[in-house]
């Protein structure tokens, strides 16, 4: 029998919602800890819901997310093209 997901909080989108984007994202421990702490402090939101609300609010206030300056990129990222 599969494990229970009862009681787990998550950001849920309606099935077939074309505006929903799903991806397996991996963050450094520092970023994970910062998002988890901010989500909890904001009302015990899930990290996904916190990021959704934060980005919506930022874009509403500033018009768009800012680009990341190349000088901040210190590691090489390799994206996977393997079929899931």
N, C-alpha and C. Protein backbone atom coordinates (compact mmCIF):
# COMPACT_ATOMS: atom_id res chain seq x y z
N UNK A 1 0.84 -1.17 0.00
CA UNK A 1 0.00 0.00 0.00
C UNK A 1 0.89 1.24 0.00
N UNK A 2 0.55 2.21 -0.82
CA UNK A 2 1.33 3.44 -0.93
C UNK A 2 1.17 4.27 0.33
N UNK A 3 2.15 5.12 0.62
CA UNK A 3 2.10 5.98 1.79
C UNK A 3 0.99 7.01 1.68
N UNK A 4 0.52 7.44 2.81
CA UNK A 4 -0.56 8.43 2.85
C UNK A 4 0.00 9.83 2.64
N UNK A 5 -0.73 10.64 1.87
CA UNK A 5 -0.38 12.04 1.68
C UNK A 5 -1.26 12.93 2.53
N UNK A 6 -2.06 12.33 3.42
CA UNK A 6 -2.99 13.10 4.23
C UNK A 6 -2.24 14.12 5.06
N UNK A 7 -2.77 15.32 5.09
CA UNK A 7 -2.19 16.37 5.91
C UNK A 7 -1.04 17.12 5.28
N UNK A 8 -0.58 16.72 4.10
CA UNK A 8 0.50 17.43 3.44
C UNK A 8 -0.07 18.64 2.71
N UNK A 9 0.56 19.78 2.91
CA UNK A 9 0.12 20.99 2.23
C UNK A 9 0.83 21.11 0.90
N UNK A 10 0.13 21.58 -0.10
CA UNK A 10 0.75 21.77 -1.40
C UNK A 10 -0.05 22.79 -2.19
N UNK A 11 0.59 23.36 -3.18
CA UNK A 11 -0.08 24.27 -4.09
C UNK A 11 -0.73 23.41 -5.16
N UNK A 12 -2.05 23.43 -5.23
CA UNK A 12 -2.77 22.55 -6.14
C UNK A 12 -3.42 23.39 -7.23
N UNK A 13 -3.24 22.98 -8.46
CA UNK A 13 -3.88 23.61 -9.60
C UNK A 13 -4.90 22.65 -10.17
N UNK A 14 -5.95 23.20 -10.77
CA UNK A 14 -6.97 22.35 -11.37
C UNK A 14 -6.37 21.52 -12.50
N UNK A 15 -6.82 20.27 -12.60
CA UNK A 15 -6.34 19.39 -13.66
C UNK A 15 -6.63 20.04 -15.01
N UNK A 16 -5.63 20.04 -15.87
CA UNK A 16 -5.79 20.62 -17.21
C UNK A 16 -5.56 22.12 -17.26
N UNK A 17 -5.24 22.74 -16.14
CA UNK A 17 -4.99 24.18 -16.10
C UNK A 17 -3.73 24.47 -16.89
N UNK A 18 -3.86 25.10 -18.03
CA UNK A 18 -2.73 25.37 -18.91
C UNK A 18 -1.78 26.41 -18.32
N UNK A 19 -2.25 27.16 -17.32
CA UNK A 19 -1.38 28.16 -16.72
C UNK A 19 -0.47 27.56 -15.67
N UNK A 20 -0.75 26.33 -15.25
CA UNK A 20 0.07 25.69 -14.23
C UNK A 20 1.34 25.13 -14.87
N UNK A 21 2.44 25.31 -14.19
CA UNK A 21 3.73 24.82 -14.67
C UNK A 21 4.28 23.90 -13.61
N UNK A 22 4.64 22.70 -14.02
CA UNK A 22 5.17 21.74 -13.06
C UNK A 22 6.56 21.32 -13.50
N UNK A 23 7.46 21.33 -12.58
CA UNK A 23 8.81 20.91 -12.87
C UNK A 23 9.44 20.42 -11.58
N UNK A 24 10.31 19.47 -11.70
CA UNK A 24 11.08 19.04 -10.55
C UNK A 24 12.25 20.01 -10.41
N UNK A 25 12.21 20.82 -9.39
CA UNK A 25 13.25 21.81 -9.17
C UNK A 25 14.12 21.39 -8.00
N UNK A 26 15.39 21.61 -8.12
CA UNK A 26 16.33 21.31 -7.05
C UNK A 26 16.99 22.61 -6.62
N UNK A 27 16.95 22.87 -5.32
CA UNK A 27 17.54 24.08 -4.77
C UNK A 27 18.67 23.72 -3.82
N UNK A 28 19.57 24.64 -3.62
CA UNK A 28 20.62 24.44 -2.61
C UNK A 28 19.96 24.42 -1.24
N UNK A 29 20.66 23.89 -0.27
CA UNK A 29 20.14 23.84 1.09
C UNK A 29 19.83 25.23 1.62
N UNK A 30 20.67 26.20 1.28
CA UNK A 30 20.45 27.58 1.73
C UNK A 30 19.12 28.11 1.21
N UNK A 31 18.86 27.95 -0.09
CA UNK A 31 17.62 28.46 -0.69
C UNK A 31 16.42 27.71 -0.12
N UNK A 32 16.52 26.39 -0.02
CA UNK A 32 15.43 25.59 0.55
C UNK A 32 15.08 26.08 1.96
N UNK A 33 16.10 26.30 2.79
CA UNK A 33 15.87 26.75 4.16
C UNK A 33 15.23 28.13 4.20
N UNK A 34 15.69 29.03 3.33
CA UNK A 34 15.14 30.39 3.29
C UNK A 34 13.67 30.38 2.86
N UNK A 35 13.35 29.61 1.82
CA UNK A 35 11.96 29.53 1.34
C UNK A 35 11.08 28.88 2.40
N UNK A 36 11.55 27.80 3.00
CA UNK A 36 10.75 27.13 4.03
C UNK A 36 10.48 28.06 5.21
N UNK A 37 11.50 28.81 5.65
CA UNK A 37 11.32 29.72 6.78
C UNK A 37 10.35 30.85 6.43
N UNK A 38 10.49 31.43 5.24
CA UNK A 38 9.59 32.51 4.83
C UNK A 38 8.17 32.00 4.65
N UNK A 39 8.01 30.79 4.10
CA UNK A 39 6.68 30.21 3.92
C UNK A 39 6.01 29.99 5.27
N UNK A 40 6.77 29.47 6.22
CA UNK A 40 6.21 29.22 7.56
C UNK A 40 5.84 30.53 8.24
N UNK A 41 6.72 31.52 8.16
CA UNK A 41 6.47 32.81 8.81
C UNK A 41 5.29 33.54 8.16
N UNK A 42 5.05 33.29 6.89
CA UNK A 42 3.98 33.98 6.16
C UNK A 42 2.60 33.40 6.44
N UNK A 43 2.54 32.30 7.14
CA UNK A 43 1.24 31.70 7.43
C UNK A 43 1.25 30.20 7.30
N UNK A 44 2.42 29.62 7.45
CA UNK A 44 2.58 28.17 7.35
C UNK A 44 2.14 27.64 5.99
N UNK A 45 2.48 28.40 4.94
CA UNK A 45 2.19 27.97 3.57
C UNK A 45 3.15 26.87 3.14
N UNK A 46 2.77 26.13 2.11
CA UNK A 46 3.72 25.21 1.50
C UNK A 46 4.75 26.06 0.76
N UNK A 47 5.96 25.53 0.54
CA UNK A 47 6.95 26.29 -0.23
C UNK A 47 6.43 26.66 -1.63
N UNK A 48 5.71 25.76 -2.27
CA UNK A 48 5.19 26.04 -3.61
C UNK A 48 4.19 27.19 -3.59
N UNK A 49 3.29 27.18 -2.62
CA UNK A 49 2.30 28.26 -2.54
C UNK A 49 2.97 29.57 -2.18
N UNK A 50 3.94 29.53 -1.27
CA UNK A 50 4.68 30.74 -0.92
C UNK A 50 5.34 31.35 -2.15
N UNK A 51 6.04 30.53 -2.94
CA UNK A 51 6.71 31.04 -4.14
C UNK A 51 5.70 31.59 -5.14
N UNK A 52 4.58 30.91 -5.30
CA UNK A 52 3.51 31.37 -6.20
C UNK A 52 3.05 32.77 -5.78
N UNK A 53 2.72 32.93 -4.50
CA UNK A 53 2.22 34.21 -4.01
C UNK A 53 3.29 35.30 -4.05
N UNK A 54 4.51 34.94 -3.68
CA UNK A 54 5.60 35.91 -3.68
C UNK A 54 5.86 36.43 -5.09
N UNK A 55 5.95 35.53 -6.05
CA UNK A 55 6.25 35.94 -7.43
C UNK A 55 5.09 36.75 -8.01
N UNK A 56 3.85 36.32 -7.76
CA UNK A 56 2.70 37.10 -8.25
C UNK A 56 2.73 38.52 -7.70
N UNK A 57 3.02 38.66 -6.39
CA UNK A 57 3.07 39.97 -5.76
C UNK A 57 4.21 40.81 -6.33
N UNK A 58 5.38 40.21 -6.50
CA UNK A 58 6.53 40.92 -7.04
C UNK A 58 6.25 41.43 -8.46
N UNK A 59 5.70 40.56 -9.29
CA UNK A 59 5.41 40.94 -10.68
C UNK A 59 4.33 42.02 -10.73
N UNK A 60 3.32 41.92 -9.84
CA UNK A 60 2.28 42.95 -9.81
C UNK A 60 2.87 44.32 -9.44
N UNK A 61 3.84 44.30 -8.54
CA UNK A 61 4.45 45.56 -8.10
C UNK A 61 5.50 46.09 -9.07
N UNK A 62 6.30 45.19 -9.68
CA UNK A 62 7.43 45.62 -10.50
C UNK A 62 7.27 45.36 -12.00
N UNK A 63 6.25 44.63 -12.39
CA UNK A 63 6.00 44.38 -13.80
C UNK A 63 6.60 43.11 -14.35
N UNK A 64 7.68 42.63 -13.75
CA UNK A 64 8.35 41.41 -14.20
C UNK A 64 9.40 41.00 -13.18
N UNK A 65 9.86 39.77 -13.28
CA UNK A 65 10.99 39.34 -12.47
C UNK A 65 12.26 39.91 -13.06
N UNK A 66 13.23 40.25 -12.23
CA UNK A 66 14.47 40.82 -12.76
C UNK A 66 15.36 39.73 -13.35
N UNK A 67 16.14 40.06 -14.35
CA UNK A 67 17.12 39.09 -14.86
C UNK A 67 18.23 38.92 -13.83
N UNK A 68 18.86 37.77 -13.85
CA UNK A 68 19.98 37.52 -12.95
C UNK A 68 21.25 37.97 -13.64
N UNK A 69 22.01 38.87 -13.01
CA UNK A 69 23.27 39.31 -13.62
C UNK A 69 24.25 38.15 -13.76
N UNK A 70 24.94 38.10 -14.86
CA UNK A 70 25.89 37.02 -15.12
C UNK A 70 26.94 36.93 -14.02
N UNK A 71 27.25 38.04 -13.39
CA UNK A 71 28.27 38.04 -12.34
C UNK A 71 27.85 37.23 -11.11
N UNK A 72 26.56 36.97 -10.95
CA UNK A 72 26.07 36.18 -9.82
C UNK A 72 26.14 34.68 -10.07
N UNK A 73 26.29 34.28 -11.30
CA UNK A 73 26.31 32.86 -11.64
C UNK A 73 27.71 32.33 -11.42
N UNK A 74 27.84 31.44 -10.43
CA UNK A 74 29.15 30.93 -10.06
C UNK A 74 29.29 29.43 -10.31
N UNK A 75 28.21 28.78 -10.71
CA UNK A 75 28.27 27.34 -10.97
C UNK A 75 27.75 27.06 -12.36
N UNK A 76 28.06 25.89 -12.85
CA UNK A 76 27.56 25.46 -14.15
C UNK A 76 26.33 24.59 -13.92
N UNK A 77 25.26 24.94 -14.58
CA UNK A 77 24.02 24.17 -14.46
C UNK A 77 23.88 23.28 -15.68
N UNK A 78 23.54 22.03 -15.46
CA UNK A 78 23.30 21.10 -16.56
C UNK A 78 21.86 20.67 -16.48
N UNK A 79 21.11 20.94 -17.56
CA UNK A 79 19.72 20.54 -17.55
C UNK A 79 19.61 19.13 -18.13
N UNK A 80 18.68 18.39 -17.59
CA UNK A 80 18.45 17.02 -18.03
C UNK A 80 17.44 17.01 -19.15
N UNK A 81 17.73 16.27 -20.20
CA UNK A 81 16.78 16.11 -21.29
C UNK A 81 16.22 14.70 -21.31
N UNK A 82 16.52 13.93 -20.26
CA UNK A 82 16.03 12.56 -20.18
C UNK A 82 14.53 12.54 -20.02
N UNK A 83 13.89 11.60 -20.67
CA UNK A 83 12.44 11.46 -20.56
C UNK A 83 12.08 11.00 -19.15
N UNK A 84 11.03 11.56 -18.64
CA UNK A 84 10.60 11.21 -17.28
C UNK A 84 9.78 9.94 -17.29
